[in-house]
Amino acid sequence: MSQSYKDKIKNSIIEKFAPIGVDEATIEELTLVSIESIEEELKQIDKLLQNNEIDKLGIHTHTIKGILLNVGLNDDALLFKEIKHLSEEGKTDEEIKEITKERLSIFQQ
């Protein structure tokens, strides 16, 4: 995950929680946990993509979506909403892999 995306997470958490009185230490902890959780999910997704275990992507993309919603990055979360439903829409494994990789690219910006 790029430093700029980590900063985006932190800034979003600050915008969401500072106005309601959440202290700086808690904001730092929320930021750290959110980043670590996303990075772990990204590792799992990478393994699944490498092993062509496309049917197992949904749970990990769903988790990323939830984390992004929790930190206030709703537009980014929407990118992951439909990945688990792509096979039901008739997408091939190769198409699902490409769509997933495209969506994951936001973390490198």
Protein backbone atom coordinates (compact mmCIF):
# COMPACT_ATOMS: atom_id res chain seq x y z
CA MET A 1 0.00 0.00 0.00
CA SER A 2 1.38 3.39 -0.95
CA GLN A 3 2.12 6.03 1.65
CA SER A 4 -0.32 8.39 -0.05
CA TYR A 5 -3.13 5.86 0.40
CA LYS A 6 -2.17 5.37 4.05
CA ASP A 7 -2.36 9.16 4.43
CA LYS A 8 -5.76 9.11 2.73
CA ILE A 9 -6.99 6.60 5.32
CA LYS A 10 -5.62 8.67 8.19
CA ASN A 11 -7.11 11.91 6.87
CA SER A 12 -10.48 10.28 6.39
CA ILE A 13 -10.42 8.93 9.94
CA ILE A 14 -9.50 12.37 11.27
CA GLU A 15 -12.36 13.97 9.30
CA LYS A 16 -14.82 11.37 10.52
CA PHE A 17 -13.87 11.02 14.17
CA ALA A 18 -12.15 14.23 15.35
CA PRO A 19 -15.37 16.29 15.16
CA ILE A 20 -17.05 13.92 17.61
CA GLY A 21 -14.23 14.22 20.12
CA VAL A 22 -12.15 11.13 19.42
CA ASP A 23 -8.66 11.79 20.75
CA GLU A 24 -5.46 11.72 18.69
CA ALA A 25 -4.17 8.47 20.22
CA THR A 26 -7.37 6.65 19.30
CA ILE A 27 -7.26 8.09 15.79
CA GLU A 28 -3.69 6.81 15.43
CA GLU A 29 -4.76 3.36 16.64
CA LEU A 30 -7.74 3.29 14.26
CA THR A 31 -5.44 4.27 11.43
CA LEU A 32 -2.87 1.61 12.27
CA VAL A 33 -5.43 -1.17 12.66
CA SER A 34 -7.22 -0.20 9.44
CA ILE A 35 -4.01 -0.14 7.41
CA GLU A 36 -2.77 -3.42 8.87
CA SER A 37 -6.12 -5.08 8.21
CA ILE A 38 -6.25 -3.94 4.60
CA GLU A 39 -2.65 -5.02 4.03
CA GLU A 40 -3.43 -8.48 5.40
CA GLU A 41 -6.45 -8.79 3.14
CA LEU A 42 -4.34 -7.67 0.17
CA LYS A 43 -1.83 -10.44 0.92
CA GLN A 44 -4.64 -13.00 1.01
CA ILE A 45 -6.08 -11.71 -2.26
CA ASP A 46 -2.67 -11.84 -3.91
CA LYS A 47 -2.28 -15.50 -2.86
CA LEU A 48 -5.72 -16.35 -4.17
CA LEU A 49 -5.04 -14.65 -7.49
CA GLN A 50 -1.72 -16.46 -7.85
CA ASN A 51 -3.37 -19.81 -7.09
CA ASN A 52 -6.40 -19.08 -9.31
CA GLU A 53 -8.72 -19.50 -6.33
CA ILE A 54 -11.14 -16.94 -7.71
CA ASP A 55 -14.12 -18.39 -5.85
CA LYS A 56 -12.56 -17.31 -2.54
CA LEU A 57 -12.00 -13.64 -3.42
CA GLY A 58 -15.41 -12.47 -2.23
CA ILE A 59 -14.81 -12.69 1.50
CA HIS A 60 -11.58 -10.70 1.30
CA THR A 61 -12.92 -8.00 -1.00
CA HIS A 62 -16.00 -7.78 1.24
CA THR A 63 -13.73 -7.26 4.26
CA ILE A 64 -11.82 -4.50 2.48
CA LYS A 65 -15.12 -2.87 1.57
CA GLY A 66 -16.17 -2.92 5.22
CA ILE A 67 -12.92 -1.41 6.44
CA LEU A 68 -13.13 1.37 3.87
CA LEU A 69 -16.73 2.11 4.87
CA ASN A 70 -15.72 2.21 8.53
CA VAL A 71 -13.00 4.78 7.89
CA GLY A 72 -15.26 6.93 5.72
CA LEU A 73 -13.91 6.08 2.26
CA ASN A 74 -17.30 5.23 0.84
CA ASP A 75 -16.48 5.84 -2.84
CA ASP A 76 -13.47 3.53 -2.63
CA ALA A 77 -15.55 0.91 -0.81
CA LEU A 78 -18.03 0.83 -3.68
CA LEU A 79 -15.27 -0.43 -5.97
CA PHE A 80 -15.24 -3.69 -4.01
CA LYS A 81 -18.97 -4.12 -3.63
CA GLU A 82 -19.66 -6.27 -6.63
CA ILE A 83 -16.52 -8.41 -6.93
CA LYS A 84 -18.08 -11.30 -5.05
CA HIS A 85 -21.04 -11.25 -7.44
CA LEU A 86 -19.11 -11.20 -10.71
CA SER A 87 -19.24 -14.96 -11.24
CA GLU A 88 -23.02 -14.86 -10.82
CA GLU A 89 -23.07 -12.27 -13.61
CA GLY A 90 -21.32 -14.70 -15.94
CA LYS A 91 -17.82 -13.24 -15.74
CA THR A 92 -15.00 -15.69 -16.38
CA ASP A 93 -12.27 -16.29 -13.81
CA GLU A 94 -9.85 -14.34 -16.01
CA GLU A 95 -12.24 -11.36 -16.19
CA ILE A 96 -12.73 -11.47 -12.42
CA LYS A 97 -8.95 -11.50 -11.89
CA GLU A 98 -8.51 -8.46 -14.13
CA ILE A 99 -11.35 -6.52 -12.50
CA THR A 100 -9.99 -7.34 -9.04
CA LYS A 101 -6.46 -6.25 -9.96
CA GLU A 102 -7.85 -3.02 -11.41
CA ARG A 103 -9.76 -2.30 -8.19
CA LEU A 104 -6.73 -3.09 -6.03
CA SER A 105 -4.70 -0.49 -7.91
CA ILE A 106 -6.30 2.27 -5.79
CA PHE A 107 -4.02 1.23 -2.96
CA GLN A 108 -0.94 2.08 -5.04
CA GLN A 109 -2.00 5.62 -5.92
